Amino acid sequence: MKTSNSNRYMNDSDIINEPMPLREIHAIRLKISDEIKNLKVDERRAYYTAGLDEIRQQYNIRIIPSAKRT
């Protein structure tokens, strides 16, 4: 989360009284919600796929497709 926007989310009146770890999680969820609220389905898929790809690269995770069930 960017520092410039994080204060806005961290100081949200709905979460200001939460313990810090929980407050950070809620702030991240608020930020994501704001980022995707006006996106179309395909745009949301691209948003989440890009985030997943970034995490996969950062932690060197390989995803092996499972057998398709019918």
C-alpha atoms as a PDB file:
ATOM      1  CA  MET A   1       0.000   0.000   0.000  1.00  0.00           C
ATOM      2  CA  LYS A   2       1.353   3.431  -0.923  1.00  0.00           C
ATOM      3  CA  THR A   3       2.260   5.674   1.986  1.00  0.00           C
ATOM      4  CA  SER A   4       0.388   8.700   0.629  1.00  0.00           C
ATOM      5  CA  ASN A   5      -2.928   6.844   0.538  1.00  0.00           C
ATOM      6  CA  SER A   6      -2.359   4.574   3.507  1.00  0.00           C
ATOM      7  CA  ASN A   7      -3.087   7.290   6.087  1.00  0.00           C
ATOM      8  CA  ARG A   8      -6.523   7.819   4.571  1.00  0.00           C
ATOM      9  CA  TYR A   9      -7.361   4.147   4.961  1.00  0.00           C
ATOM     10  CA  MET A  10      -5.597   3.639   8.301  1.00  0.00           C
ATOM     11  CA  ASN A  11      -7.496   6.574   9.796  1.00  0.00           C
ATOM     12  CA  ASP A  12     -10.904   5.530   8.505  1.00  0.00           C
ATOM     13  CA  SER A  13     -13.466   6.129  11.243  1.00  0.00           C
ATOM     14  CA  ASP A  14     -14.825   2.581  10.979  1.00  0.00           C
ATOM     15  CA  ILE A  15     -11.484   0.964  11.845  1.00  0.00           C
ATOM     16  CA  ILE A  16      -9.619   3.585  13.895  1.00  0.00           C
ATOM     17  CA  ASN A  17     -10.247   1.763  17.201  1.00  0.00           C
ATOM     18  CA  GLU A  18      -9.136  -1.671  15.992  1.00  0.00           C
ATOM     19  CA  PRO A  19      -5.831  -3.213  17.142  1.00  0.00           C
ATOM     20  CA  MET A  20      -3.046  -2.308  14.690  1.00  0.00           C
ATOM     21  CA  PRO A  21      -2.693  -5.696  12.898  1.00  0.00           C
ATOM     22  CA  LEU A  22      -6.439  -5.881  12.285  1.00  0.00           C
ATOM     23  CA  ARG A  23      -6.537  -2.227  11.318  1.00  0.00           C
ATOM     24  CA  GLU A  24      -3.843  -2.809   8.673  1.00  0.00           C
ATOM     25  CA  ILE A  25      -5.826  -5.685   7.183  1.00  0.00           C
ATOM     26  CA  HIS A  26      -9.007  -3.625   7.104  1.00  0.00           C
ATOM     27  CA  ALA A  27      -7.157  -0.689   5.521  1.00  0.00           C
ATOM     28  CA  ILE A  28      -5.839  -2.947   2.756  1.00  0.00           C
ATOM     29  CA  ARG A  29      -9.338  -4.303   2.141  1.00  0.00           C
ATOM     30  CA  LEU A  30     -10.727  -0.753   1.931  1.00  0.00           C
ATOM     31  CA  LYS A  31      -8.013   0.221  -0.558  1.00  0.00           C
ATOM     32  CA  ILE A  32      -8.684  -2.793  -2.781  1.00  0.00           C
ATOM     33  CA  SER A  33     -12.409  -2.162  -2.592  1.00  0.00           C
ATOM     34  CA  ASP A  34     -11.890   1.423  -3.776  1.00  0.00           C
ATOM     35  CA  GLU A  35      -9.600   0.296  -6.592  1.00  0.00           C
ATOM     36  CA  ILE A  36     -12.000  -2.293  -8.026  1.00  0.00           C
ATOM     37  CA  LYS A  37     -15.434  -0.820  -7.335  1.00  0.00           C
ATOM     38  CA  ASN A  38     -15.923   0.560 -10.871  1.00  0.00           C
ATOM     39  CA  LEU A  39     -14.142  -2.199 -12.788  1.00  0.00           C
ATOM     40  CA  LYS A  40     -15.861  -4.578 -15.171  1.00  0.00           C
ATOM     41  CA  VAL A  41     -15.555  -8.332 -14.640  1.00  0.00           C
ATOM     42  CA  ASP A  42     -12.673  -8.714 -17.104  1.00  0.00           C
ATOM     43  CA  GLU A  43     -10.857  -5.759 -15.555  1.00  0.00           C
ATOM     44  CA  ARG A  44     -11.247  -7.243 -12.065  1.00  0.00           C
ATOM     45  CA  ARG A  45      -9.869 -10.552 -13.304  1.00  0.00           C
ATOM     46  CA  ALA A  46      -6.861  -8.734 -14.778  1.00  0.00           C
ATOM     47  CA  TYR A  47      -6.368  -6.805 -11.514  1.00  0.00           C
ATOM     48  CA  TYR A  48      -6.282  -9.976  -9.417  1.00  0.00           C
ATOM     49  CA  THR A  49      -4.195 -11.877 -11.974  1.00  0.00           C
ATOM     50  CA  ALA A  50      -1.571  -9.116 -11.986  1.00  0.00           C
ATOM     51  CA  GLY A  51      -1.418  -9.220  -8.179  1.00  0.00           C
ATOM     52  CA  LEU A  52      -1.115 -12.993  -8.202  1.00  0.00           C
ATOM     53  CA  ASP A  53       1.675 -12.856 -10.797  1.00  0.00           C
ATOM     54  CA  GLU A  54       3.567 -10.332  -8.676  1.00  0.00           C
ATOM     55  CA  ILE A  55       3.318 -12.540  -5.593  1.00  0.00           C
ATOM     56  CA  ARG A  56       4.308 -15.645  -7.570  1.00  0.00           C
ATOM     57  CA  GLN A  57       7.451 -13.897  -8.837  1.00  0.00           C
ATOM     58  CA  GLN A  58       8.337 -12.420  -5.469  1.00  0.00           C
ATOM     59  CA  TYR A  59       8.166 -15.788  -3.676  1.00  0.00           C
ATOM     60  CA  ASN A  60       9.140 -17.987  -6.648  1.00  0.00           C
ATOM     61  CA  ILE A  61       5.879 -19.965  -6.536  1.00  0.00           C
ATOM     62  CA  ARG A  62       4.960 -22.359  -9.306  1.00  0.00           C
ATOM     63  CA  ILE A  63       1.330 -23.178  -9.866  1.00  0.00           C
ATOM     64  CA  ILE A  64       0.705 -26.627 -11.259  1.00  0.00           C
ATOM     65  CA  PRO A  65      -2.737 -27.022 -12.822  1.00  0.00           C
ATOM     66  CA  SER A  66      -4.742 -29.862 -11.374  1.00  0.00           C
ATOM     67  CA  ALA A  67      -6.591 -32.445 -13.418  1.00  0.00           C
ATOM     68  CA  LYS A  68      -9.899 -31.073 -14.619  1.00  0.00           C
ATOM     69  CA  ARG A  69     -12.905 -32.607 -12.901  1.00  0.00           C
ATOM     70  CA  THR A  70     -16.140 -33.140 -14.756  1.00  0.00           C
END
